[in-house]
Protein backbone atom coordinates (compact mmCIF):
# COMPACT_ATOMS: atom_id res chain seq x y z
CA UNK A 1 112.85 73.00 104.71
CA UNK A 2 111.18 75.71 106.77
CA UNK A 3 107.45 75.44 107.44
CA UNK A 4 107.22 79.04 106.24
CA UNK A 5 108.23 78.23 102.66
CA UNK A 6 107.26 74.61 102.06
CA UNK A 7 105.29 73.65 98.92
CA UNK A 8 106.14 76.91 97.14
CA UNK A 9 105.06 76.76 93.51
CA UNK A 10 107.36 77.71 90.65
CA UNK A 11 104.87 80.44 89.76
CA UNK A 12 105.06 82.01 93.20
CA UNK A 13 108.87 81.72 93.25
CA UNK A 14 109.28 83.26 89.79
CA UNK A 15 106.89 86.12 90.63
CA UNK A 16 108.98 86.93 93.71
CA UNK A 17 112.19 86.98 91.69
CA UNK A 18 110.69 89.20 88.98
CA UNK A 19 109.25 91.67 91.49
CA UNK A 20 112.54 91.76 93.40
CA UNK A 21 114.33 92.72 90.18
CA UNK A 22 111.91 95.58 89.56
CA UNK A 23 112.21 96.87 93.10
CA UNK A 24 116.01 96.78 93.01
CA UNK A 25 115.79 99.19 90.07
CA UNK A 26 113.77 101.57 92.28
CA UNK A 27 116.17 101.64 95.24
CA UNK A 28 116.77 105.40 95.17
CA UNK A 29 113.90 107.78 95.89
CA UNK A 30 115.38 110.52 93.69
CA UNK A 31 115.51 108.26 90.60
CA UNK A 32 112.20 106.42 90.70
CA UNK A 33 111.27 103.98 87.97
CA UNK A 34 107.95 102.82 89.41
CA UNK A 35 105.99 105.86 90.46
CA UNK A 36 104.23 104.38 93.50
CA UNK A 37 107.42 102.88 94.99
CA UNK A 38 109.67 105.23 96.99
CA UNK A 39 112.51 104.06 99.21
CA UNK A 40 116.27 104.34 99.69
CA UNK A 41 118.00 101.47 101.49
CA UNK A 42 121.56 102.87 101.61
CA UNK A 43 122.69 99.33 100.83
CA UNK A 44 124.10 97.65 97.75
CA UNK A 45 120.80 95.80 97.83
CA UNK A 46 117.94 96.67 100.15
CA UNK A 47 115.31 94.36 98.67
CA UNK A 48 115.15 90.97 100.38
CA UNK A 49 113.32 87.72 99.78
CA UNK A 50 111.96 85.58 102.64
CA UNK A 51 112.60 88.21 105.29
CA UNK A 52 111.94 86.90 108.85
CA UNK A 53 110.08 89.21 111.23
CA UNK A 54 111.60 88.24 114.57
CA UNK A 55 112.62 89.56 117.97
CA UNK A 56 116.28 89.04 118.86
CA UNK A 57 118.00 88.71 122.22
CA UNK A 58 121.41 90.16 123.05
CA UNK A 59 124.72 88.27 122.59
CA UNK A 60 123.40 85.32 120.60
CA UNK A 61 125.86 83.85 118.12
CA UNK A 62 125.43 83.51 114.35
CA UNK A 63 127.86 82.64 111.56
CA UNK A 64 127.96 84.91 108.50
CA UNK A 65 130.29 83.90 105.64
CA UNK A 66 132.17 81.62 108.01
CA UNK A 67 132.78 84.30 110.65
CA UNK A 68 131.19 84.36 114.08
CA UNK A 69 129.02 87.38 114.96
CA UNK A 70 126.82 88.27 117.92
CA UNK A 71 123.32 89.72 117.99
CA UNK A 72 122.08 93.01 119.42
CA UNK A 73 118.73 93.03 121.21
CA UNK A 74 115.94 94.36 119.04
CA UNK A 75 113.56 93.27 116.29
CA UNK A 76 113.78 92.94 112.53
CA UNK A 77 110.48 94.63 111.67
CA UNK A 78 111.71 98.02 112.92
CA UNK A 79 115.45 97.56 112.25
CA UNK A 80 117.27 95.89 109.34
CA UNK A 81 118.81 92.53 110.18
CA UNK A 82 122.32 93.76 109.38
CA UNK A 83 121.99 96.36 112.15
CA UNK A 84 121.10 93.67 114.68
CA UNK A 85 124.29 91.69 114.08
CA UNK A 86 127.78 92.89 115.02
CA UNK A 87 131.38 91.84 115.49
CA UNK A 88 133.71 93.73 117.83
CA UNK A 89 130.98 96.38 118.20
CA UNK A 90 130.94 96.95 114.42
CA UNK A 91 127.56 96.43 112.76
CA UNK A 92 127.41 94.02 109.86
CA UNK A 93 125.69 96.60 107.63
CA UNK A 94 126.01 94.60 104.41
CA UNK A 95 122.43 93.69 103.61
CA UNK A 96 122.62 90.29 105.29
CA UNK A 97 119.32 88.62 106.19
CA UNK A 98 119.33 85.27 108.03
CA UNK A 99 117.24 82.31 106.94
CA UNK A 100 114.44 81.01 109.10
CA UNK A 101 116.71 78.17 110.23
CA UNK A 102 119.48 80.59 111.22
CA UNK A 103 116.96 82.61 113.22
CA UNK A 104 115.88 79.53 115.13
CA UNK A 105 119.52 78.55 115.74
CA UNK A 106 120.23 81.92 117.37
CA UNK A 107 117.05 81.76 119.44
CA UNK A 108 115.20 84.51 117.58
CA UNK A 109 111.42 84.44 117.94
CA UNK A 110 110.11 84.39 114.36
CA UNK A 111 106.40 85.14 113.94
CA UNK A 112 106.27 85.74 110.17
CA UNK A 113 108.38 85.42 107.05
CA UNK A 114 107.64 88.09 104.45
CA UNK A 115 107.95 87.33 100.72
CA UNK A 116 109.71 90.63 99.93
CA UNK A 117 110.85 93.50 102.16
CA UNK A 118 112.18 96.86 100.98
CA UNK A 119 114.21 98.86 103.50
CA UNK A 120 114.36 102.61 103.90
CA UNK A 121 117.46 103.87 105.71
CA UNK A 122 117.87 101.17 108.29
CA UNK A 123 114.39 99.73 108.70
CA UNK A 124 111.77 97.82 106.69
CA UNK A 125 109.33 100.13 104.92
CA UNK A 126 107.45 97.86 102.49
CA UNK A 127 106.44 94.32 103.41
CA UNK A 128 105.05 92.62 100.31
CA UNK A 129 103.21 89.32 100.11
CA UNK A 130 102.77 87.68 96.71
CA UNK A 131 99.53 85.81 96.26
CA UNK A 132 99.19 82.87 93.91
CA UNK A 133 96.21 80.87 95.15
CA UNK A 134 95.48 82.27 98.60
CA UNK A 135 95.44 85.79 100.09
CA UNK A 136 97.40 86.71 103.21
CA UNK A 137 95.85 84.83 106.11
CA UNK A 138 93.99 86.73 108.81
CA UNK A 139 96.30 85.18 111.39
CA UNK A 140 99.46 86.46 109.67
CA UNK A 141 97.91 89.87 109.09
CA UNK A 142 96.96 90.24 112.75
CA UNK A 143 100.41 89.16 113.92
CA UNK A 144 102.08 91.80 111.74
CA UNK A 145 99.58 94.47 112.79
CA UNK A 146 100.06 93.69 116.48
CA UNK A 147 103.86 93.57 116.26
CA UNK A 148 104.30 97.34 116.09
CA UNK A 149 105.48 97.26 112.46
CA UNK A 150 105.06 100.86 111.32
CA UNK A 151 105.78 100.34 107.65
CA UNK A 152 103.28 99.27 104.99
CA UNK A 153 102.00 95.80 104.17
CA UNK A 154 100.97 95.05 100.57
CA UNK A 155 99.51 92.12 98.70
CA UNK A 156 100.18 91.62 94.98
CA UNK A 157 99.02 88.91 92.60
CA UNK A 158 101.61 86.57 91.07
CA UNK A 159 99.49 86.36 87.92
CA UNK A 160 99.63 90.14 87.39
CA UNK A 161 103.43 90.20 87.83
CA UNK A 162 104.02 87.40 85.34
CA UNK A 163 101.67 88.91 82.75
CA UNK A 164 103.85 92.03 82.41
CA UNK A 165 106.22 92.26 79.46
CA UNK A 166 108.47 94.90 81.07
CA UNK A 167 108.79 96.85 84.30
CA UNK A 168 105.43 98.60 84.87
CA UNK A 169 104.99 102.31 85.56
CA UNK A 170 102.97 101.46 88.67
CA UNK A 171 102.54 98.36 90.79
CA UNK A 172 99.02 96.99 90.95
CA UNK A 173 99.10 96.07 94.61
CA UNK A 174 96.63 96.14 97.47
CA UNK A 175 97.57 97.89 100.71
CA UNK A 176 96.52 95.76 103.68
CA UNK A 177 97.56 98.38 106.22
CA UNK A 178 100.00 101.23 106.74
CA UNK A 179 100.27 104.99 106.50
CA UNK A 180 98.05 106.45 103.79
CA UNK A 181 100.74 108.73 102.42
CA UNK A 182 103.93 107.13 103.74
CA UNK A 183 104.97 109.49 106.56
CA UNK A 184 108.41 107.98 107.08
CA UNK A 185 109.84 106.85 110.40
CA UNK A 186 107.47 108.79 112.65
CA UNK A 187 108.16 106.60 115.68
CA UNK A 188 111.91 106.94 115.25
CA UNK A 189 111.46 110.70 114.82
CA UNK A 190 109.73 110.96 118.18
CA UNK A 191 112.36 108.71 119.75
CA UNK A 192 115.30 110.67 118.36
CA UNK A 193 113.92 114.05 119.43
CA UNK A 194 112.64 112.84 122.80
CA UNK A 195 109.41 114.66 122.01
CA UNK A 196 111.23 117.98 122.25
CA UNK A 197 110.49 120.35 119.37
CA UNK A 198 113.72 122.25 120.12
CA UNK A 199 115.61 119.24 118.76
CA UNK A 200 113.85 119.34 115.41
CA UNK A 201 115.83 120.56 112.39
CA UNK A 202 115.36 124.05 111.00
CA UNK A 203 114.50 123.99 107.32
CA UNK A 204 115.75 127.04 105.47
CA UNK A 205 115.45 125.82 101.90
CA UNK A 206 114.17 123.04 99.66
CA UNK A 207 117.46 121.12 99.81
CA UNK A 208 117.20 120.88 103.61
CA UNK A 209 113.82 119.19 103.25
CA UNK A 210 114.94 116.77 100.55
CA UNK A 211 117.96 115.70 102.59
CA UNK A 212 115.99 115.05 105.76
CA UNK A 213 115.23 111.34 106.19
CA UNK A 214 112.29 112.00 108.50
CA UNK A 215 110.28 114.05 106.00
CA UNK A 216 107.75 111.94 104.14
CA UNK A 217 107.97 111.47 100.38
CA UNK A 218 104.55 113.09 100.08
CA UNK A 219 105.85 116.24 101.79
CA UNK A 220 108.95 116.27 99.62
CA UNK A 221 106.90 116.00 96.43
CA UNK A 222 104.63 118.83 97.61
CA UNK A 223 107.62 121.03 98.40
CA UNK A 224 109.17 120.41 94.97
CA UNK A 225 105.85 121.02 93.20
CA UNK A 226 105.41 124.32 95.03
CA UNK A 227 108.93 125.34 94.06
CA UNK A 228 108.29 124.51 90.42
CA UNK A 229 105.09 126.56 90.35
CA UNK A 230 106.64 129.49 92.16
CA UNK A 231 109.61 129.62 89.79
CA UNK A 232 107.18 129.68 86.87
CA UNK A 233 105.12 132.37 88.62
CA UNK A 234 108.20 134.49 89.31
CA UNK A 235 109.27 134.27 85.67
CA UNK A 236 105.81 135.43 84.55
CA UNK A 237 105.79 138.22 87.11
CA UNK A 238 109.19 139.49 85.96
CA UNK A 239 107.94 139.52 82.38
CA UNK A 240 104.73 141.29 83.40
CA UNK A 241 106.71 143.95 85.29
CA UNK A 242 108.79 144.61 82.18
CA UNK A 243 105.72 145.43 80.06
CA UNK A 244 103.96 148.77 79.69
CA UNK A 245 100.68 150.11 78.32
CA UNK A 246 98.38 147.87 76.29
CA UNK A 247 100.87 144.98 76.31
CA UNK A 248 100.91 144.98 80.10
CA UNK A 249 97.11 145.14 80.32
CA UNK A 250 96.63 142.37 77.75
CA UNK A 251 99.21 140.11 79.42
CA UNK A 252 97.57 140.61 82.81
CA UNK A 253 94.09 139.84 81.49
CA UNK A 254 95.03 136.79 79.40
CA UNK A 255 97.82 135.21 81.45
CA UNK A 256 98.94 136.80 84.67
CA UNK A 257 95.56 137.19 86.40
CA UNK A 258 95.10 133.40 86.46
CA UNK A 259 98.58 132.92 87.93
CA UNK A 260 97.90 135.48 90.63
CA UNK A 261 94.97 133.36 91.76
CA UNK A 262 97.17 130.27 91.64
CA UNK A 263 99.80 132.03 93.73
CA UNK A 264 97.30 132.59 96.53
CA UNK A 265 96.89 128.81 96.74
CA UNK A 266 100.61 128.15 96.53
CA UNK A 267 101.36 130.57 99.35
CA UNK A 268 98.96 128.72 101.64
CA UNK A 269 99.94 125.13 101.05
CA UNK A 270 98.99 122.80 103.87
CA UNK A 271 100.08 119.29 104.68
CA UNK A 272 98.29 117.09 107.18
CA UNK A 273 100.29 114.55 109.17
CA UNK A 274 99.14 111.75 111.45
CA UNK A 275 96.65 112.99 114.03
CA UNK A 276 95.38 115.85 111.82
CA UNK A 277 98.42 117.96 112.64
CA UNK A 278 98.68 120.66 110.01
CA UNK A 279 101.27 123.26 109.11
CA UNK A 280 101.34 125.93 106.41
CA UNK A 281 104.38 127.10 104.51
CA UNK A 282 105.44 129.04 101.44
CA UNK A 283 108.13 127.94 99.01
CA UNK A 284 109.86 130.87 97.31
CA UNK A 285 111.25 130.91 93.78
CA UNK A 286 114.77 131.33 95.24
CA UNK A 287 114.34 127.87 96.90
CA UNK A 288 113.92 129.29 100.41
CA UNK A 289 111.02 128.23 102.63
CA UNK A 290 108.99 130.52 104.84
CA UNK A 291 107.12 129.20 107.86
CA UNK A 292 103.63 130.71 108.04
CA UNK A 293 101.70 128.98 110.79
CA UNK A 294 101.16 125.55 112.27
CA UNK A 295 98.76 123.76 114.57
CA UNK A 296 101.46 121.39 115.74
CA UNK A 297 105.06 122.59 116.06
CA UNK A 298 106.30 119.12 116.98
CA UNK A 299 106.44 118.05 113.34
CA UNK A 300 108.90 120.08 111.33
CA UNK A 301 110.27 123.45 112.35
CA UNK A 302 110.30 126.06 109.60
CA UNK A 303 112.07 129.38 110.10
CA UNK A 304 110.93 132.60 108.47
CA UNK A 305 113.79 134.19 106.56
CA UNK A 306 114.33 137.92 107.01
């Protein structure tokens, strides 16, 4: 048995299996069941146990379901394993993850095996270590930090998992490192655009933002919240405009005045990205988005609608 998994207790094993089941239920960021878990794997299953973090050389052989495949140079902490294995230039793309022994057989350099990994659109996003008796070692933590892994590493207690009677609303986990608000795939974004803001997408409406894989979940939630508030504001404004005389004055004083103050905030919503790069936008009730100003145009490009 692998040195990475020897002497595993039944408690640790059962906690992994229970947590994996919960996370599989969350594998769709538009239908979340645990509110602090947000990912979409685009796989039948994108939650994996005993996931090896390893670098892989080109043209190494590995058998999958009896068939011979070859590897593509890369690493499994920035790319899913099934996108590092191909046959006749066709990626495996079926959620396959090799065991530690298979990694060694193909000459992959394994530096860590993660209890659970959740993938987001082709790369690991959450790396989760389940603690029974001991926390994540400093050595393992430093190796993961120094690898260039740009997802998030969490630690969660086996005892807490096994004390639940049903899927919890939130996971009680401890973030060891990673982006504070999950800005997704920032390194891949820079790579894909070659640092050229002209290659960035133009967002014209809320749907454009929600469909874009490079926009963080935090940004998406902010956009949707602004839309919700602006629709409510527009409905109130239409009602206010339909009133006359004392009714209009009373409605303004008791209801609409407060919403006008709220609208000033909504129209100047800011989001800060890595490196204190800030942009300001307005979300209209008709679902369009207006660019207002930005300190850094290399993030997302918003176009003012005329």
